[in-house]
């Protein structure tokens, strides 16, 4: 665990670089957070740009530091309909009955800041599911790739034109939510609750960031945000996205730095004929791994075995720095699901499954590239073009050294 920065946050003068309207709204939110018991590092500063408000650190450092610690009891609980859009302004809607006065103040202050930033108009113009026409095959294909917790996956009616405002609210607020599991004293059963974490969206979400730390056993129970870096680099957080497409659909920001590519959903066949169904979910292995497998942790899926089929949460196409990760994952899975196979049969299955996965993913992304080519010129087309080109380049980069790895006498290094 990294150390907290020593100082608590000072007065806001000099820490906010934004227009008067944005500065005033952010100062009100910071005051509401402080009154609710939120701890904020003195090194935090915020800078406004065309992309919104971004958090930076006044002090540059190489180690991991704590920048924000929200008490869980202060975070407003979120449910569908809790925020509505009226005349491009985000407003409180159907607030959960258990919402306290302090939580209401935080919600009001966060919405006021988003309105000062004109966040809803920017979100509608840049998020692919909102910006693309309803009947666009590209929109339908991209929306279907979203994680199960995406608002339109939870409620497909949100994709209808009449629900455009509700879709904007639900997806825009989704970037600012944290999921809190049921408490142990509640037997740990039931669905997690979703809570609004003000200022979370001011950190850049990417593969290099630190994950949120949710500690329901702390006194008081809290959500803690760590980050590295500072100076001219924005602070970053990792929100468990799968790849660049998953991050774009969740955060509305296209970040092509993700090292791996999540496979599209597909079905492989185990040697005994059972289907091996691959999904696009963020879930991975949480258990302790022996040292030889620790480098594989990002690539290992959750596995659900039924009588007639096996389901995997994901399969990732790795970068050149981990050339054998996919084959090792497929081999480990086969060793568990078909332990009686000989070595030669295992290798044939792994290579055939690998080739099927590459072929289906290449076909899917090539189709999206063709659809993106028909879009009118603009930022949205540029983003779609760049994402498709990046995905196809990742597939090519993985496929290129296959012949070398399979050559007689070649050595296969671990990822």
Protein backbone atom coordinates (compact mmCIF):
# COMPACT_ATOMS: atom_id res chain seq x y z
CA UNK A 1 0.00 0.00 0.00
CA UNK A 2 1.42 3.39 -0.92
CA UNK A 3 1.72 6.15 1.61
CA UNK A 4 -0.74 9.03 1.88
CA UNK A 5 0.66 12.37 0.95
CA UNK A 6 1.32 14.14 4.22
CA UNK A 7 -0.76 17.26 3.83
CA UNK A 8 -4.51 17.61 3.73
CA UNK A 9 -5.95 19.83 1.03
CA UNK A 10 -5.39 23.59 1.46
CA UNK A 11 -7.78 26.31 0.29
CA UNK A 12 -8.62 25.94 -3.41
CA UNK A 13 -6.91 29.14 -4.63
CA UNK A 14 -4.25 28.22 -7.19
CA UNK A 15 -5.37 24.59 -7.43
CA UNK A 16 -8.08 25.13 -10.06
CA UNK A 17 -7.30 26.32 -13.58
CA UNK A 18 -10.68 26.79 -15.24
CA UNK A 19 -13.32 29.32 -16.19
CA UNK A 20 -15.11 31.22 -13.44
CA UNK A 21 -18.23 29.06 -13.79
CA UNK A 22 -16.30 25.79 -13.59
CA UNK A 23 -14.11 27.07 -10.77
CA UNK A 24 -17.13 28.11 -8.72
CA UNK A 25 -18.87 24.75 -9.26
CA UNK A 26 -15.73 22.77 -8.40
CA UNK A 27 -15.10 24.84 -5.26
CA UNK A 28 -18.67 24.09 -4.13
CA UNK A 29 -18.16 20.37 -4.75
CA UNK A 30 -14.85 20.35 -2.87
CA UNK A 31 -16.51 22.08 0.09
CA UNK A 32 -19.35 19.53 0.08
CA UNK A 33 -16.86 16.65 -0.06
CA UNK A 34 -14.83 18.06 2.82
CA UNK A 35 -17.98 18.54 4.91
CA UNK A 36 -18.90 14.90 4.21
CA UNK A 37 -15.54 13.66 5.54
CA UNK A 38 -13.63 13.14 2.28
CA UNK A 39 -9.84 13.36 2.56
CA UNK A 40 -8.05 15.01 -0.37
CA UNK A 41 -4.33 15.39 -0.93
CA UNK A 42 -2.87 18.88 -0.87
CA UNK A 43 -1.09 18.02 -4.15
CA UNK A 44 -4.31 17.76 -6.15
CA UNK A 45 -4.99 20.38 -8.81
CA UNK A 46 -7.44 20.51 -11.69
CA UNK A 47 -7.12 21.91 -15.20
CA UNK A 48 -9.99 22.45 -17.61
CA UNK A 49 -9.74 21.80 -21.35
CA UNK A 50 -12.02 21.01 -24.27
CA UNK A 51 -12.13 17.42 -23.01
CA UNK A 52 -13.37 18.42 -19.56
CA UNK A 53 -11.69 18.66 -16.17
CA UNK A 54 -8.52 16.67 -15.45
CA UNK A 55 -6.69 16.04 -12.17
CA UNK A 56 -2.94 16.57 -11.82
CA UNK A 57 -0.45 16.44 -8.96
CA UNK A 58 1.49 19.53 -7.94
CA UNK A 59 4.37 17.28 -6.86
CA UNK A 60 6.02 14.79 -9.20
CA UNK A 61 6.87 11.40 -7.67
CA UNK A 62 7.60 7.87 -8.80
CA UNK A 63 5.91 5.94 -6.02
CA UNK A 64 2.22 5.27 -5.46
CA UNK A 65 0.42 7.94 -3.40
CA UNK A 66 -3.07 8.31 -1.99
CA UNK A 67 -4.97 11.28 -3.41
CA UNK A 68 -8.59 10.80 -2.40
CA UNK A 69 -10.39 8.86 0.30
CA UNK A 70 -14.17 8.96 0.24
CA UNK A 71 -16.16 7.60 3.22
CA UNK A 72 -18.63 5.10 1.77
CA UNK A 73 -21.49 6.44 3.86
CA UNK A 74 -21.10 9.84 2.19
CA UNK A 75 -21.39 8.60 -1.42
CA UNK A 76 -24.87 8.99 -2.96
CA UNK A 77 -26.40 5.71 -4.02
CA UNK A 78 -27.26 5.58 -7.70
CA UNK A 79 -30.12 3.78 -9.41
CA UNK A 80 -31.71 4.14 -12.87
CA UNK A 81 -33.72 7.34 -13.04
CA UNK A 82 -31.81 9.04 -10.21
CA UNK A 83 -30.60 11.70 -12.67
CA UNK A 84 -32.55 13.14 -15.60
CA UNK A 85 -31.67 15.46 -18.47
CA UNK A 86 -33.76 18.58 -19.03
CA UNK A 87 -32.74 21.18 -21.61
CA UNK A 88 -29.18 19.81 -21.63
CA UNK A 89 -28.99 20.19 -17.85
CA UNK A 90 -28.51 17.21 -15.53
CA UNK A 91 -31.04 17.30 -12.68
CA UNK A 92 -31.87 15.01 -9.73
CA UNK A 93 -34.63 12.56 -10.65
CA UNK A 94 -36.03 9.72 -8.57
CA UNK A 95 -33.69 9.78 -5.59
CA UNK A 96 -33.42 6.59 -3.49
CA UNK A 97 -35.43 6.90 -0.27
CA UNK A 98 -32.40 6.24 1.94
CA UNK A 99 -30.49 9.24 0.53
CA UNK A 100 -29.30 11.54 3.33
CA UNK A 101 -29.18 15.33 3.20
CA UNK A 102 -25.36 15.21 2.94
CA UNK A 103 -25.53 12.74 0.05
CA UNK A 104 -28.09 14.95 -1.68
CA UNK A 105 -25.75 17.93 -1.38
CA UNK A 106 -22.94 15.92 -2.95
CA UNK A 107 -25.17 14.81 -5.82
CA UNK A 108 -26.37 18.35 -6.44
CA UNK A 109 -22.80 19.69 -6.38
CA UNK A 110 -21.53 17.00 -8.79
CA UNK A 111 -24.38 17.66 -11.23
CA UNK A 112 -23.75 21.40 -11.04
CA UNK A 113 -20.10 20.84 -11.97
CA UNK A 114 -21.05 18.59 -14.90
CA UNK A 115 -23.51 21.23 -16.12
CA UNK A 116 -20.86 23.96 -15.87
CA UNK A 117 -18.61 21.75 -18.01
CA UNK A 118 -21.45 21.17 -20.53
CA UNK A 119 -20.72 17.49 -20.03
CA UNK A 120 -23.95 16.09 -21.47
CA UNK A 121 -23.55 17.85 -24.84
CA UNK A 122 -19.91 16.73 -25.11
CA UNK A 123 -20.84 13.17 -24.13
CA UNK A 124 -23.55 12.92 -26.79
CA UNK A 125 -21.17 14.22 -29.45
CA UNK A 126 -18.25 11.91 -28.67
CA UNK A 127 -19.62 8.64 -27.23
CA UNK A 128 -20.02 6.19 -30.13
CA UNK A 129 -23.30 4.64 -28.95
CA UNK A 130 -24.88 8.10 -28.53
CA UNK A 131 -23.31 9.79 -31.54
CA UNK A 132 -23.96 7.11 -34.19
CA UNK A 133 -27.43 6.86 -35.81
CA UNK A 134 -29.85 4.41 -34.23
CA UNK A 135 -29.95 2.01 -37.19
CA UNK A 136 -26.26 2.20 -37.93
CA UNK A 137 -24.81 -1.33 -38.18
CA UNK A 138 -21.62 0.04 -36.63
CA UNK A 139 -23.52 1.34 -33.61
CA UNK A 140 -25.33 -1.95 -33.14
CA UNK A 141 -22.09 -3.93 -33.41
CA UNK A 142 -20.16 -1.71 -30.98
CA UNK A 143 -23.00 -1.56 -28.46
CA UNK A 144 -23.22 -5.36 -28.43
CA UNK A 145 -19.55 -5.54 -27.36
CA UNK A 146 -20.14 -3.58 -24.14
CA UNK A 147 -19.74 -5.19 -20.73
CA UNK A 148 -22.86 -6.63 -19.05
CA UNK A 149 -23.03 -3.65 -16.66
CA UNK A 150 -23.37 -1.12 -19.52
CA UNK A 151 -26.72 0.67 -19.16
CA UNK A 152 -28.00 -0.47 -22.57
CA UNK A 153 -27.06 -4.07 -21.79
CA UNK A 154 -29.06 -3.83 -18.55
CA UNK A 155 -31.98 -2.18 -20.37
CA UNK A 156 -31.97 -2.53 -24.20
CA UNK A 157 -34.87 -0.05 -24.42
CA UNK A 158 -32.32 2.70 -23.77
CA UNK A 159 -31.08 2.29 -27.35
CA UNK A 160 -34.40 3.55 -28.74
CA UNK A 161 -34.55 7.20 -29.88
CA UNK A 162 -37.23 8.03 -27.30
CA UNK A 163 -34.80 7.05 -24.55
CA UNK A 164 -31.87 9.16 -25.79
CA UNK A 165 -31.87 11.44 -22.73
CA UNK A 166 -32.07 8.50 -20.32
CA UNK A 167 -29.22 6.76 -22.18
CA UNK A 168 -27.11 9.92 -21.97
CA UNK A 169 -27.66 10.21 -18.20
CA UNK A 170 -27.07 6.54 -17.46
CA UNK A 171 -23.89 6.23 -19.53
CA UNK A 172 -22.47 9.61 -18.46
CA UNK A 173 -22.98 8.84 -14.77
CA UNK A 174 -21.65 5.30 -15.22
CA UNK A 175 -18.10 6.68 -15.57
CA UNK A 176 -18.45 8.17 -12.08
CA UNK A 177 -19.78 5.13 -10.21
CA UNK A 178 -18.15 2.54 -7.97
CA UNK A 179 -19.67 -0.84 -7.17
CA UNK A 180 -19.78 -1.79 -3.49
CA UNK A 181 -20.33 -5.44 -2.58
CA UNK A 182 -22.83 -6.35 0.16
CA UNK A 183 -21.35 -6.15 3.65
CA UNK A 184 -20.21 -9.29 5.44
CA UNK A 185 -22.78 -8.66 8.18
CA UNK A 186 -25.43 -8.94 5.45
CA UNK A 187 -24.19 -12.48 4.70
CA UNK A 188 -22.47 -11.17 1.55
CA UNK A 189 -25.53 -11.98 -0.56
CA UNK A 190 -27.37 -9.85 -3.05
CA UNK A 191 -26.30 -7.52 -5.82
CA UNK A 192 -23.62 -4.85 -5.30
CA UNK A 193 -24.83 -1.30 -4.85
CA UNK A 194 -23.66 1.52 -7.11
CA UNK A 195 -22.48 4.80 -5.62
CA UNK A 196 -21.49 8.12 -7.16
CA UNK A 197 -17.84 9.00 -6.45
CA UNK A 198 -17.44 12.74 -7.16
CA UNK A 199 -14.20 13.73 -8.94
CA UNK A 200 -13.47 10.14 -10.04
CA UNK A 201 -14.04 11.20 -13.64
CA UNK A 202 -11.31 13.86 -13.41
CA UNK A 203 -8.68 11.10 -13.45
CA UNK A 204 -7.69 9.59 -16.78
CA UNK A 205 -8.79 5.96 -16.99
CA UNK A 206 -6.24 3.72 -18.70
CA UNK A 207 -4.29 0.48 -18.43
CA UNK A 208 -1.40 2.10 -16.54
CA UNK A 209 -3.46 3.51 -13.67
CA UNK A 210 -3.90 2.19 -10.16
CA UNK A 211 -7.14 0.38 -9.22
CA UNK A 212 -9.56 1.81 -6.70
CA UNK A 213 -9.30 0.31 -3.22
CA UNK A 214 -12.71 -0.31 -1.65
CA UNK A 215 -12.42 -1.24 2.02
CA UNK A 216 -15.78 -1.90 3.70
CA UNK A 217 -13.98 -2.91 6.93
CA UNK A 218 -12.08 0.35 7.40
CA UNK A 219 -13.19 2.80 10.08
CA UNK A 220 -15.07 4.42 8.50
CA UNK A 221 -15.59 2.17 5.43
CA UNK A 222 -14.00 3.93 2.50
CA UNK A 223 -13.06 4.09 -1.18
CA UNK A 224 -9.44 5.10 -1.69
CA UNK A 225 -7.77 6.36 -4.83
CA UNK A 226 -4.04 5.93 -5.48
CA UNK A 227 -2.02 7.30 -8.38
CA UNK A 228 1.55 7.72 -9.60
CA UNK A 229 3.33 10.50 -11.44
CA UNK A 230 2.46 14.16 -11.46
CA UNK A 231 3.83 17.31 -12.98
CA UNK A 232 2.65 17.63 -16.58
CA UNK A 233 1.13 14.12 -16.67
CA UNK A 234 -2.51 13.71 -15.56
CA UNK A 235 -3.29 11.35 -12.72
CA UNK A 236 -4.55 7.95 -13.85
CA UNK A 237 -6.87 5.30 -12.50
CA UNK A 238 -7.59 1.75 -13.71
CA UNK A 239 -11.28 0.91 -13.77
CA UNK A 240 -10.93 -2.73 -14.87
CA UNK A 241 -11.65 -2.16 -18.56
CA UNK A 242 -11.05 -5.02 -20.93
CA UNK A 243 -9.37 -3.17 -23.81
CA UNK A 244 -9.55 0.07 -25.81
CA UNK A 245 -13.08 -0.60 -27.08
CA UNK A 246 -14.38 -1.43 -23.61
CA UNK A 247 -12.76 1.74 -22.25
CA UNK A 248 -14.31 3.88 -25.03
CA UNK A 249 -17.78 2.48 -24.39
CA UNK A 250 -17.48 3.01 -20.63
CA UNK A 251 -15.50 6.24 -20.39
CA UNK A 252 -16.21 7.97 -23.67
CA UNK A 253 -12.47 8.44 -24.19
CA UNK A 254 -10.56 6.59 -26.90
CA UNK A 255 -7.25 5.37 -25.44
CA UNK A 256 -5.27 3.21 -27.85
CA UNK A 257 -2.50 2.43 -25.35
CA UNK A 258 -4.17 -0.75 -24.04
CA UNK A 259 -1.61 -3.51 -24.69
CA UNK A 260 -4.01 -6.38 -25.35
CA UNK A 261 -7.19 -6.90 -27.37
CA UNK A 262 -10.23 -8.62 -25.94
CA UNK A 263 -11.68 -11.26 -28.22
CA UNK A 264 -15.16 -10.78 -29.63
CA UNK A 265 -17.68 -13.34 -28.31
CA UNK A 266 -17.27 -16.68 -30.04
CA UNK A 267 -17.65 -20.41 -29.51
CA UNK A 268 -14.77 -22.90 -29.62
CA UNK A 269 -15.22 -26.66 -29.41
CA UNK A 270 -13.54 -28.83 -26.82
CA UNK A 271 -12.19 -32.22 -28.01
CA UNK A 272 -15.20 -33.96 -26.43
CA UNK A 273 -17.59 -31.78 -28.43
CA UNK A 274 -18.70 -29.45 -25.65
CA UNK A 275 -18.96 -25.79 -26.67
CA UNK A 276 -16.47 -23.41 -25.05
CA UNK A 277 -18.28 -20.08 -25.10
CA UNK A 278 -16.08 -16.98 -24.85
CA UNK A 279 -17.66 -13.74 -23.60
CA UNK A 280 -16.37 -10.17 -23.33
CA UNK A 281 -16.40 -9.63 -19.58
CA UNK A 282 -13.82 -7.97 -17.35
CA UNK A 283 -13.86 -10.71 -14.72
CA UNK A 284 -10.59 -12.57 -14.18
CA UNK A 285 -8.92 -14.83 -11.67
CA UNK A 286 -8.74 -13.40 -8.15
CA UNK A 287 -7.18 -16.37 -6.37
CA UNK A 288 -3.50 -16.62 -5.43
CA UNK A 289 -1.39 -17.94 -8.30
CA UNK A 290 1.88 -19.89 -8.09
CA UNK A 291 4.94 -17.94 -9.29
CA UNK A 292 5.08 -19.57 -12.77
CA UNK A 293 1.54 -18.33 -13.51
CA UNK A 294 1.63 -14.86 -11.99
CA UNK A 295 2.60 -13.18 -15.28
CA UNK A 296 -0.54 -14.71 -16.81
CA UNK A 297 -2.97 -13.11 -14.32
CA UNK A 298 -4.29 -10.40 -16.70
CA UNK A 299 -5.06 -13.09 -19.30
CA UNK A 300 -6.71 -15.75 -17.13
CA UNK A 301 -10.51 -15.81 -17.44
CA UNK A 302 -13.12 -16.94 -15.00
CA UNK A 303 -14.43 -20.38 -15.94
CA UNK A 304 -17.96 -21.73 -15.44
CA UNK A 305 -18.44 -25.43 -16.15
CA UNK A 306 -21.90 -26.89 -16.78
CA UNK A 307 -22.93 -30.34 -17.93
CA UNK A 308 -23.24 -29.41 -21.59
CA UNK A 309 -20.93 -26.40 -22.01
CA UNK A 310 -18.10 -24.31 -20.56
CA UNK A 311 -18.17 -20.51 -20.35
CA UNK A 312 -15.16 -18.20 -20.22
CA UNK A 313 -15.38 -14.57 -19.14
CA UNK A 314 -12.79 -13.50 -21.73
CA UNK A 315 -9.83 -14.36 -23.91
CA UNK A 316 -7.20 -11.71 -24.59
CA UNK A 317 -4.97 -11.42 -27.65
CA UNK A 318 -1.64 -10.42 -26.10
CA UNK A 319 0.94 -7.88 -27.27
CA UNK A 320 4.34 -8.86 -28.73
CA UNK A 321 5.85 -8.67 -25.25
CA UNK A 322 3.79 -11.69 -24.16
CA UNK A 323 3.70 -13.80 -27.35
CA UNK A 324 2.69 -17.09 -25.74
CA UNK A 325 0.13 -15.86 -23.21
CA UNK A 326 -2.91 -16.91 -25.26
CA UNK A 327 -1.50 -20.37 -26.01
CA UNK A 328 -0.58 -20.89 -22.38
CA UNK A 329 -4.09 -19.92 -21.25
CA UNK A 330 -5.68 -22.26 -23.81
CA UNK A 331 -3.31 -25.04 -22.75
CA UNK A 332 -4.10 -24.55 -19.06
CA UNK A 333 -7.82 -24.58 -19.76
CA UNK A 334 -7.55 -27.75 -21.83
CA UNK A 335 -5.48 -29.43 -19.13
CA UNK A 336 -8.30 -28.81 -16.65
CA UNK A 337 -11.23 -29.55 -18.97
CA UNK A 338 -9.76 -32.53 -20.87
CA UNK A 339 -6.99 -33.92 -18.65
CA UNK A 340 -6.68 -37.22 -20.52
CA UNK A 341 -5.41 -35.80 -23.80
CA UNK A 342 -1.91 -36.51 -25.01
CA UNK A 343 0.60 -33.75 -25.68
CA UNK A 344 0.25 -33.88 -29.48
CA UNK A 345 -3.57 -33.69 -29.29
CA UNK A 346 -3.36 -30.75 -26.88
CA UNK A 347 -1.06 -28.84 -29.22
CA UNK A 348 -3.31 -29.45 -32.22
CA UNK A 349 -6.38 -28.22 -30.32
CA UNK A 350 -4.60 -25.14 -28.99
CA UNK A 351 -3.35 -24.13 -32.44
CA UNK A 352 -6.69 -24.79 -34.13
CA UNK A 353 -8.53 -22.78 -31.46
CA UNK A 354 -6.00 -19.99 -31.73
CA UNK A 355 -6.46 -19.81 -35.51
CA UNK A 356 -10.26 -19.78 -35.20
CA UNK A 357 -10.07 -16.98 -32.66
CA UNK A 358 -7.76 -14.91 -34.87
CA UNK A 359 -9.91 -15.47 -37.96
CA UNK A 360 -13.19 -14.51 -36.26
CA UNK A 361 -11.70 -11.44 -34.62
CA UNK A 362 -10.07 -10.30 -37.86
CA UNK A 363 -13.35 -10.70 -39.75
CA UNK A 364 -15.28 -8.75 -37.08
CA UNK A 365 -12.86 -5.82 -37.02
CA UNK A 366 -12.54 -5.73 -40.81
CA UNK A 367 -16.34 -5.45 -41.06
CA UNK A 368 -16.32 -2.56 -38.57
CA UNK A 369 -13.55 -0.87 -40.54
CA UNK A 370 -15.70 -1.02 -43.67
CA UNK A 371 -18.68 0.47 -41.81
CA UNK A 372 -16.52 3.25 -40.32
CA UNK A 373 -15.28 4.16 -43.81
CA UNK A 374 -18.84 5.18 -44.73
CA UNK A 375 -19.18 7.66 -41.84
CA UNK A 376 -19.08 11.40 -42.56
CA UNK A 377 -15.76 13.12 -41.88
CA UNK A 378 -15.29 14.24 -38.30
CA UNK A 379 -13.98 13.29 -34.88
CA UNK A 380 -16.30 10.29 -34.55
CA UNK A 381 -15.14 8.81 -37.86
CA UNK A 382 -11.53 9.49 -36.91
CA UNK A 383 -12.02 7.62 -33.63
CA UNK A 384 -13.71 4.63 -35.27
CA UNK A 385 -11.06 4.48 -37.98
CA UNK A 386 -8.25 4.63 -35.42
CA UNK A 387 -9.81 1.95 -33.20
CA UNK A 388 -10.34 -0.46 -36.09
CA UNK A 389 -6.85 0.12 -37.45
CA UNK A 390 -5.35 -0.44 -34.00
CA UNK A 391 -7.28 -3.69 -33.43
CA UNK A 392 -6.33 -5.09 -36.84
CA UNK A 393 -2.70 -4.08 -36.25
CA UNK A 394 -2.75 -5.92 -32.91
CA UNK A 395 -4.07 -9.04 -34.63
CA UNK A 396 -1.40 -8.77 -37.34
CA UNK A 397 1.32 -8.26 -34.74
CA UNK A 398 0.21 -11.40 -32.92
CA UNK A 399 -0.07 -13.47 -36.10
CA UNK A 400 3.25 -12.38 -37.65
CA UNK A 401 5.64 -14.43 -35.49
CA UNK A 402 3.47 -17.58 -35.44
CA UNK A 403 5.54 -19.24 -38.16
CA UNK A 404 8.74 -18.45 -36.30
CA UNK A 405 7.40 -19.86 -33.04
CA UNK A 406 6.29 -23.04 -34.81
CA UNK A 407 9.54 -23.55 -36.70
CA UNK A 408 11.48 -26.73 -35.80
CA UNK A 409 13.81 -26.07 -32.90
CA UNK A 410 12.27 -22.71 -31.97
CA UNK A 411 12.24 -21.83 -28.25
CA UNK A 412 8.97 -20.61 -26.74
CA UNK A 413 9.57 -18.08 -23.97
CA UNK A 414 7.09 -17.40 -21.19
CA UNK A 415 5.20 -14.07 -21.24
